[in-house]
Amino acid sequence: MREASAEWQGTLKEGSGRLRLGSGAFEGAYSFPSRFENGPGTNPEELIAAAHAGCFSMALTAILGREGHIPDSIRTVAKV
């Protein structure tokens, strides 16, 4: 089991928050503009896309390996 946390302060449009991974590997700011516009910072959807891209890359590596093909590199882009 893995966990992450989020803290929000202020109103929806003027406020801001911080996302933290339980492992401590990432902590970053998010806001209304970063979620619903193209403002600076990250957003939960971006982190979900990273999780999907990571899982797909690992799964494809496993499938290719079972068939005797060892990839030098696999790059996956996920859009959420």
PDB file of N, CA and C in Angstrom:
ATOM      1  N   MET A   1       0.841  -1.175   0.000  1.00  0.00           N
ATOM      2  CA  MET A   1       0.000   0.000   0.000  1.00  0.00           C
ATOM      3  C   MET A   1       0.887   1.240   0.000  1.00  0.00           C
ATOM      4  N   ARG A   2       0.516   2.223  -0.789  1.00  0.00           N
ATOM      5  CA  ARG A   2       1.234   3.501  -0.871  1.00  0.00           C
ATOM      6  C   ARG A   2       0.287   4.629  -0.501  1.00  0.00           C
ATOM      7  N   GLU A   3       0.853   5.757  -0.123  1.00  0.00           N
ATOM      8  CA  GLU A   3      -0.009   6.882   0.221  1.00  0.00           C
ATOM      9  C   GLU A   3       0.602   8.189  -0.253  1.00  0.00           C
ATOM     10  N   ALA A   4      -0.230   9.185  -0.328  1.00  0.00           N
ATOM     11  CA  ALA A   4       0.168  10.552  -0.630  1.00  0.00           C
ATOM     12  C   ALA A   4      -0.783  11.462   0.132  1.00  0.00           C
ATOM     13  N   SER A   5      -0.403  12.711   0.256  1.00  0.00           N
ATOM     14  CA  SER A   5      -1.272  13.646   0.969  1.00  0.00           C
ATOM     15  C   SER A   5      -1.349  14.968   0.213  1.00  0.00           C
ATOM     16  N   ALA A   6      -2.401  15.703   0.503  1.00  0.00           N
ATOM     17  CA  ALA A   6      -2.603  17.023  -0.082  1.00  0.00           C
ATOM     18  C   ALA A   6      -3.122  17.953   1.002  1.00  0.00           C
ATOM     19  N   GLU A   7      -2.676  19.194   0.952  1.00  0.00           N
ATOM     20  CA  GLU A   7      -3.168  20.217   1.866  1.00  0.00           C
ATOM     21  C   GLU A   7      -3.553  21.435   1.037  1.00  0.00           C
ATOM     22  N   TRP A   8      -4.722  21.993   1.300  1.00  0.00           N
ATOM     23  CA  TRP A   8      -5.227  23.151   0.562  1.00  0.00           C
ATOM     24  C   TRP A   8      -5.481  24.275   1.541  1.00  0.00           C
ATOM     25  N   GLN A   9      -5.134  25.498   1.143  1.00  0.00           N
ATOM     26  CA  GLN A   9      -5.397  26.667   1.979  1.00  0.00           C
ATOM     27  C   GLN A   9      -6.036  27.754   1.127  1.00  0.00           C
ATOM     28  N   GLY A  10      -7.062  28.365   1.644  1.00  0.00           N
ATOM     29  CA  GLY A  10      -7.711  29.475   0.960  1.00  0.00           C
ATOM     30  C   GLY A  10      -8.914  29.041   0.145  1.00  0.00           C
ATOM     31  N   THR A  11      -9.405  29.979  -0.637  1.00  0.00           N
ATOM     32  CA  THR A  11     -10.577  29.719  -1.466  1.00  0.00           C
ATOM     33  C   THR A  11     -10.187  28.870  -2.673  1.00  0.00           C
ATOM     34  N   LEU A  12     -11.185  28.400  -3.392  1.00  0.00           N
ATOM     35  CA  LEU A  12     -10.920  27.527  -4.528  1.00  0.00           C
ATOM     36  C   LEU A  12     -10.042  28.191  -5.579  1.00  0.00           C
ATOM     37  N   LYS A  13     -10.424  29.381  -6.038  1.00  0.00           N
ATOM     38  CA  LYS A  13      -9.693  30.012  -7.139  1.00  0.00           C
ATOM     39  C   LYS A  13      -8.452  30.783  -6.696  1.00  0.00           C
ATOM     40  N   GLU A  14      -8.448  31.331  -5.504  1.00  0.00           N
ATOM     41  CA  GLU A  14      -7.305  32.114  -5.058  1.00  0.00           C
ATOM     42  C   GLU A  14      -6.364  31.342  -4.147  1.00  0.00           C
ATOM     43  N   GLY A  15      -6.792  30.215  -3.659  1.00  0.00           N
ATOM     44  CA  GLY A  15      -5.991  29.425  -2.732  1.00  0.00           C
ATOM     45  C   GLY A  15      -4.895  28.635  -3.423  1.00  0.00           C
ATOM     46  N   SER A  16      -4.197  27.852  -2.617  1.00  0.00           N
ATOM     47  CA  SER A  16      -3.140  27.002  -3.156  1.00  0.00           C
ATOM     48  C   SER A  16      -2.957  25.796  -2.250  1.00  0.00           C
ATOM     49  N   GLY A  17      -2.259  24.812  -2.769  1.00  0.00           N
ATOM     50  CA  GLY A  17      -2.059  23.606  -1.991  1.00  0.00           C
ATOM     51  C   GLY A  17      -0.702  22.981  -2.269  1.00  0.00           C
ATOM     52  N   ARG A  18      -0.420  21.925  -1.518  1.00  0.00           N
ATOM     53  CA  ARG A  18       0.812  21.161  -1.694  1.00  0.00           C
ATOM     54  C   ARG A  18       0.445  19.691  -1.737  1.00  0.00           C
ATOM     55  N   LEU A  19       1.072  18.989  -2.671  1.00  0.00           N
ATOM     56  CA  LEU A  19       0.928  17.541  -2.784  1.00  0.00           C
ATOM     57  C   LEU A  19       2.219  16.911  -2.296  1.00  0.00           C
ATOM     58  N   ARG A  20       2.118  15.822  -1.536  1.00  0.00           N
ATOM     59  CA  ARG A  20       3.307  15.143  -1.021  1.00  0.00           C
ATOM     60  C   ARG A  20       3.150  13.637  -1.194  1.00  0.00           C
ATOM     61  N   LEU A  21       4.190  13.012  -1.736  1.00  0.00           N
ATOM     62  CA  LEU A  21       4.195  11.557  -1.805  1.00  0.00           C
ATOM     63  C   LEU A  21       4.663  11.020  -0.465  1.00  0.00           C
ATOM     64  N   GLY A  22       4.069   9.923  -0.034  1.00  0.00           N
ATOM     65  CA  GLY A  22       4.418   9.329   1.247  1.00  0.00           C
ATOM     66  C   GLY A  22       5.882   8.931   1.344  1.00  0.00           C
ATOM     67  N   SER A  23       6.498   8.594   0.224  1.00  0.00           N
ATOM     68  CA  SER A  23       7.911   8.193   0.211  1.00  0.00           C
ATOM     69  C   SER A  23       8.844   9.378   0.395  1.00  0.00           C
ATOM     70  N   GLY A  24       8.326  10.587   0.192  1.00  0.00           N
ATOM     71  CA  GLY A  24       9.164  11.770   0.261  1.00  0.00           C
ATOM     72  C   GLY A  24       9.877  12.076  -1.048  1.00  0.00           C
ATOM     73  N   ALA A  25       9.642  11.277  -2.078  1.00  0.00           N
ATOM     74  CA  ALA A  25      10.320  11.464  -3.364  1.00  0.00           C
ATOM     75  C   ALA A  25       9.840  12.703  -4.106  1.00  0.00           C
ATOM     76  N   PHE A  26       8.654  13.195  -3.791  1.00  0.00           N
ATOM     77  CA  PHE A  26       8.130  14.376  -4.480  1.00  0.00           C
ATOM     78  C   PHE A  26       7.254  15.177  -3.547  1.00  0.00           C
ATOM     79  N   GLU A  27       7.386  16.489  -3.641  1.00  0.00           N
ATOM     80  CA  GLU A  27       6.475  17.420  -2.991  1.00  0.00           C
ATOM     81  C   GLU A  27       6.364  18.620  -3.914  1.00  0.00           C
ATOM     82  N   GLY A  28       5.156  19.069  -4.192  1.00  0.00           N
ATOM     83  CA  GLY A  28       5.007  20.187  -5.095  1.00  0.00           C
ATOM     84  C   GLY A  28       3.727  20.960  -4.887  1.00  0.00           C
ATOM     85  N   ALA A  29       3.723  22.156  -5.422  1.00  0.00           N
ATOM     86  CA  ALA A  29       2.579  23.058  -5.301  1.00  0.00           C
ATOM     87  C   ALA A  29       1.542  22.755  -6.377  1.00  0.00           C
ATOM     88  N   TYR A  30       0.285  22.985  -6.034  1.00  0.00           N
ATOM     89  CA  TYR A  30      -0.793  22.944  -7.020  1.00  0.00           C
ATOM     90  C   TYR A  30      -1.802  24.031  -6.695  1.00  0.00           C
ATOM     91  N   SER A  31      -2.579  24.406  -7.702  1.00  0.00           N
ATOM     92  CA  SER A  31      -3.512  25.513  -7.542  1.00  0.00           C
ATOM     93  C   SER A  31      -4.647  25.342  -8.543  1.00  0.00           C
ATOM     94  N   PHE A  32      -5.610  26.239  -8.465  1.00  0.00           N
ATOM     95  CA  PHE A  32      -6.687  26.221  -9.455  1.00  0.00           C
ATOM     96  C   PHE A  32      -6.119  26.359 -10.863  1.00  0.00           C
ATOM     97  N   PRO A  33      -5.210  27.335 -11.103  1.00  0.00           N
ATOM     98  CA  PRO A  33      -4.643  27.444 -12.455  1.00  0.00           C
ATOM     99  C   PRO A  33      -3.862  26.202 -12.901  1.00  0.00           C
ATOM    100  N   SER A  34      -3.161  25.527 -11.992  1.00  0.00           N
ATOM    101  CA  SER A  34      -2.395  24.339 -12.414  1.00  0.00           C
ATOM    102  C   SER A  34      -3.298  23.149 -12.695  1.00  0.00           C
ATOM    103  N   ARG A  35      -4.498  23.138 -12.142  1.00  0.00           N
ATOM    104  CA  ARG A  35      -5.426  22.038 -12.398  1.00  0.00           C
ATOM    105  C   ARG A  35      -6.318  22.293 -13.589  1.00  0.00           C
ATOM    106  N   PHE A  36      -6.834  23.507 -13.711  1.00  0.00           N
ATOM    107  CA  PHE A  36      -7.874  23.771 -14.700  1.00  0.00           C
ATOM    108  C   PHE A  36      -7.443  24.696 -15.833  1.00  0.00           C
ATOM    109  N   GLU A  37      -6.245  25.237 -15.722  1.00  0.00           N
ATOM    110  CA  GLU A  37      -5.695  26.091 -16.769  1.00  0.00           C
ATOM    111  C   GLU A  37      -4.294  25.548 -17.074  1.00  0.00           C
ATOM    112  N   ASN A  38      -3.378  26.381 -17.453  1.00  0.00           N
ATOM    113  CA  ASN A  38      -2.013  25.938 -17.687  1.00  0.00           C
ATOM    114  C   ASN A  38      -1.038  26.658 -16.769  1.00  0.00           C
ATOM    115  N   GLY A  39      -1.457  26.887 -15.536  1.00  0.00           N
ATOM    116  CA  GLY A  39      -0.625  27.596 -14.578  1.00  0.00           C
ATOM    117  C   GLY A  39       0.533  26.752 -14.086  1.00  0.00           C
ATOM    118  N   PRO A  40       1.495  27.393 -13.405  1.00  0.00           N
ATOM    119  CA  PRO A  40       2.658  26.663 -12.889  1.00  0.00           C
ATOM    120  C   PRO A  40       2.267  25.710 -11.761  1.00  0.00           C
ATOM    121  N   GLY A  41       3.053  24.686 -11.587  1.00  0.00           N
ATOM    122  CA  GLY A  41       2.808  23.695 -10.552  1.00  0.00           C
ATOM    123  C   GLY A  41       2.284  22.414 -11.156  1.00  0.00           C
ATOM    124  N   THR A  42       2.064  21.445 -10.320  1.00  0.00           N
ATOM    125  CA  THR A  42       1.579  20.147 -10.775  1.00  0.00           C
ATOM    126  C   THR A  42       0.091  20.033 -10.488  1.00  0.00           C
ATOM    127  N   ASN A  43      -0.447  18.851 -10.678  1.00  0.00           N
ATOM    128  CA  ASN A  43      -1.837  18.576 -10.336  1.00  0.00           C
ATOM    129  C   ASN A  43      -1.999  17.067 -10.172  1.00  0.00           C
ATOM    130  N   PRO A  44      -3.056  16.624  -9.513  1.00  0.00           N
ATOM    131  CA  PRO A  44      -3.240  15.194  -9.302  1.00  0.00           C
ATOM    132  C   PRO A  44      -3.288  14.392 -10.596  1.00  0.00           C
ATOM    133  N   GLU A  45      -3.853  14.968 -11.642  1.00  0.00           N
ATOM    134  CA  GLU A  45      -3.961  14.242 -12.913  1.00  0.00           C
ATOM    135  C   GLU A  45      -2.577  13.954 -13.501  1.00  0.00           C
ATOM    136  N   GLU A  46      -1.667  14.897 -13.354  1.00  0.00           N
ATOM    137  CA  GLU A  46      -0.304  14.705 -13.845  1.00  0.00           C
ATOM    138  C   GLU A  46       0.368  13.539 -13.120  1.00  0.00           C
ATOM    139  N   LEU A  47       0.128  13.430 -11.834  1.00  0.00           N
ATOM    140  CA  LEU A  47       0.702  12.327 -11.061  1.00  0.00           C
ATOM    141  C   LEU A  47       0.073  10.992 -11.439  1.00  0.00           C
ATOM    142  N   ILE A  48      -1.221  10.990 -11.755  1.00  0.00           N
ATOM    143  CA  ILE A  48      -1.883   9.767 -12.234  1.00  0.00           C
ATOM    144  C   ILE A  48      -1.294   9.357 -13.576  1.00  0.00           C
ATOM    145  N   ALA A  49      -1.052  10.326 -14.464  1.00  0.00           N
ATOM    146  CA  ALA A  49      -0.444  10.022 -15.759  1.00  0.00           C
ATOM    147  C   ALA A  49       0.935   9.408 -15.568  1.00  0.00           C
ATOM    148  N   ALA A  50       1.714   9.933 -14.634  1.00  0.00           N
ATOM    149  CA  ALA A  50       3.043   9.375 -14.358  1.00  0.00           C
ATOM    150  C   ALA A  50       2.937   7.932 -13.876  1.00  0.00           C
ATOM    151  N   ALA A  51       1.949   7.650 -13.024  1.00  0.00           N
ATOM    152  CA  ALA A  51       1.756   6.288 -12.537  1.00  0.00           C
ATOM    153  C   ALA A  51       1.402   5.340 -13.678  1.00  0.00           C
ATOM    154  N   HIS A  52       0.510   5.757 -14.559  1.00  0.00           N
ATOM    155  CA  HIS A  52       0.125   4.914 -15.696  1.00  0.00           C
ATOM    156  C   HIS A  52       1.300   4.693 -16.646  1.00  0.00           C
ATOM    157  N   ALA A  53       2.056   5.746 -16.928  1.00  0.00           N
ATOM    158  CA  ALA A  53       3.211   5.610 -17.828  1.00  0.00           C
ATOM    159  C   ALA A  53       4.241   4.656 -17.240  1.00  0.00           C
ATOM    160  N   GLY A  54       4.493   4.781 -15.944  1.00  0.00           N
ATOM    161  CA  GLY A  54       5.451   3.889 -15.285  1.00  0.00           C
ATOM    162  C   GLY A  54       5.004   2.442 -15.318  1.00  0.00           C
ATOM    163  N   CYS A  55       3.734   2.190 -15.022  1.00  0.00           N
ATOM    164  CA  CYS A  55       3.204   0.822 -15.039  1.00  0.00           C
ATOM    165  C   CYS A  55       3.246   0.227 -16.440  1.00  0.00           C
ATOM    166  N   PHE A  56       2.869   1.003 -17.447  1.00  0.00           N
ATOM    167  CA  PHE A  56       2.867   0.491 -18.812  1.00  0.00           C
ATOM    168  C   PHE A  56       4.279   0.141 -19.264  1.00  0.00           C
ATOM    169  N   SER A  57       5.244   1.024 -18.976  1.00  0.00           N
ATOM    170  CA  SER A  57       6.630   0.762 -19.368  1.00  0.00           C
ATOM    171  C   SER A  57       7.148  -0.528 -18.740  1.00  0.00           C
ATOM    172  N   MET A  58       6.851  -0.731 -17.470  1.00  0.00           N
ATOM    173  CA  MET A  58       7.292  -1.956 -16.783  1.00  0.00           C
ATOM    174  C   MET A  58       6.600  -3.189 -17.357  1.00  0.00           C
ATOM    175  N   ALA A  59       5.288  -3.087 -17.615  1.00  0.00           N
ATOM    176  CA  ALA A  59       4.546  -4.230 -18.160  1.00  0.00           C
ATOM    177  C   ALA A  59       5.047  -4.597 -19.553  1.00  0.00           C
ATOM    178  N   LEU A  60       5.299  -3.599 -20.396  1.00  0.00           N
ATOM    179  CA  LEU A  60       5.804  -3.877 -21.737  1.00  0.00           C
ATOM    180  C   LEU A  60       7.191  -4.521 -21.668  1.00  0.00           C
ATOM    181  N   THR A  61       8.033  -4.051 -20.761  1.00  0.00           N
ATOM    182  CA  THR A  61       9.349  -4.658 -20.563  1.00  0.00           C
ATOM    183  C   THR A  61       9.214  -6.131 -20.186  1.00  0.00           C
ATOM    184  N   ALA A  62       8.280  -6.447 -19.299  1.00  0.00           N
ATOM    185  CA  ALA A  62       8.064  -7.835 -18.886  1.00  0.00           C
ATOM    186  C   ALA A  62       7.591  -8.691 -20.055  1.00  0.00           C
ATOM    187  N   ILE A  63       6.662  -8.189 -20.839  1.00  0.00           N
ATOM    188  CA  ILE A  63       6.137  -8.934 -21.993  1.00  0.00           C
ATOM    189  C   ILE A  63       7.239  -9.190 -23.016  1.00  0.00           C
ATOM    190  N   LEU A  64       7.995  -8.149 -23.339  1.00  0.00           N
ATOM    191  CA  LEU A  64       9.086  -8.316 -24.301  1.00  0.00           C
ATOM    192  C   LEU A  64      10.136  -9.285 -23.774  1.00  0.00           C
ATOM    193  N   GLY A  65      10.450  -9.200 -22.498  1.00  0.00           N
ATOM    194  CA  GLY A  65      11.434 -10.092 -21.887  1.00  0.00           C
ATOM    195  C   GLY A  65      11.022 -11.547 -21.951  1.00  0.00           C
ATOM    196  N   ARG A  66       9.741 -11.817 -21.725  1.00  0.00           N
ATOM    197  CA  ARG A  66       9.239 -13.207 -21.811  1.00  0.00           C
ATOM    198  C   ARG A  66       9.396 -13.763 -23.213  1.00  0.00           C
ATOM    199  N   GLU A  67       9.382 -12.891 -24.211  1.00  0.00           N
ATOM    200  CA  GLU A  67       9.524 -13.304 -25.613  1.00  0.00           C
ATOM    201  C   GLU A  67      10.976 -13.252 -26.088  1.00  0.00           C
ATOM    202  N   GLY A  68      11.900 -12.975 -25.161  1.00  0.00           N
ATOM    203  CA  GLY A  68      13.316 -12.974 -25.498  1.00  0.00           C
ATOM    204  C   GLY A  68      13.845 -11.665 -26.055  1.00  0.00           C
ATOM    205  N   HIS A  69      13.089 -10.604 -25.943  1.00  0.00           N
ATOM    206  CA  HIS A  69      13.511  -9.295 -26.439  1.00  0.00           C
ATOM    207  C   HIS A  69      13.777  -8.384 -25.244  1.00  0.00           C
ATOM    208  N   ILE A  70      15.019  -7.993 -25.072  1.00  0.00           N
ATOM    209  CA  ILE A  70      15.374  -7.128 -23.956  1.00  0.00           C
ATOM    210  C   ILE A  70      15.543  -5.703 -24.495  1.00  0.00           C
ATOM    211  N   PRO A  71      14.641  -4.797 -24.131  1.00  0.00           N
ATOM    212  CA  PRO A  71      14.726  -3.431 -24.663  1.00  0.00           C
ATOM    213  C   PRO A  71      15.865  -2.641 -24.013  1.00  0.00           C
ATOM    214  N   ASP A  72      16.479  -1.765 -24.797  1.00  0.00           N
ATOM    215  CA  ASP A  72      17.462  -0.837 -24.243  1.00  0.00           C
ATOM    216  C   ASP A  72      16.755   0.258 -23.458  1.00  0.00           C
ATOM    217  N   SER A  73      15.607   0.655 -23.964  1.00  0.00           N
ATOM    218  CA  SER A  73      14.879   1.743 -23.334  1.00  0.00           C
ATOM    219  C   SER A  73      13.428   1.725 -23.806  1.00  0.00           C
ATOM    220  N   ILE A  74      12.533   2.078 -22.927  1.00  0.00           N
ATOM    221  CA  ILE A  74      11.123   2.243 -23.279  1.00  0.00           C
ATOM    222  C   ILE A  74      10.683   3.577 -22.695  1.00  0.00           C
ATOM    223  N   ARG A  75      10.104   4.404 -23.535  1.00  0.00           N
ATOM    224  CA  ARG A  75       9.587   5.710 -23.086  1.00  0.00           C
ATOM    225  C   ARG A  75       8.101   5.733 -23.350  1.00  0.00           C
ATOM    226  N   THR A  76       7.338   5.998 -22.315  1.00  0.00           N
ATOM    227  CA  THR A  76       5.875   6.022 -22.426  1.00  0.00           C
ATOM    228  C   THR A  76       5.367   7.393 -22.022  1.00  0.00           C
ATOM    229  N   VAL A  77       4.446   7.930 -22.803  1.00  0.00           N
ATOM    230  CA  VAL A  77       3.791   9.202 -22.463  1.00  0.00           C
ATOM    231  C   VAL A  77       2.312   8.895 -22.233  1.00  0.00           C
ATOM    232  N   ALA A  78       1.803   9.290 -21.085  1.00  0.00           N
ATOM    233  CA  ALA A  78       0.391   9.088 -20.769  1.00  0.00           C
ATOM    234  C   ALA A  78      -0.258  10.471 -20.611  1.00  0.00           C
ATOM    235  N   LYS A  79      -1.455  10.602 -21.117  1.00  0.00           N
ATOM    236  CA  LYS A  79      -2.208  11.853 -20.976  1.00  0.00           C
ATOM    237  C   LYS A  79      -3.495  11.566 -20.223  1.00  0.00           C
ATOM    238  N   VAL A  80      -3.716  12.325 -19.167  1.00  0.00           N
ATOM    239  CA  VAL A  80      -4.917  12.166 -18.343  1.00  0.00           C
ATOM    240  C   VAL A  80      -5.699  13.461 -18.390  1.00  0.00           C
TER     241      VAL A  80
END
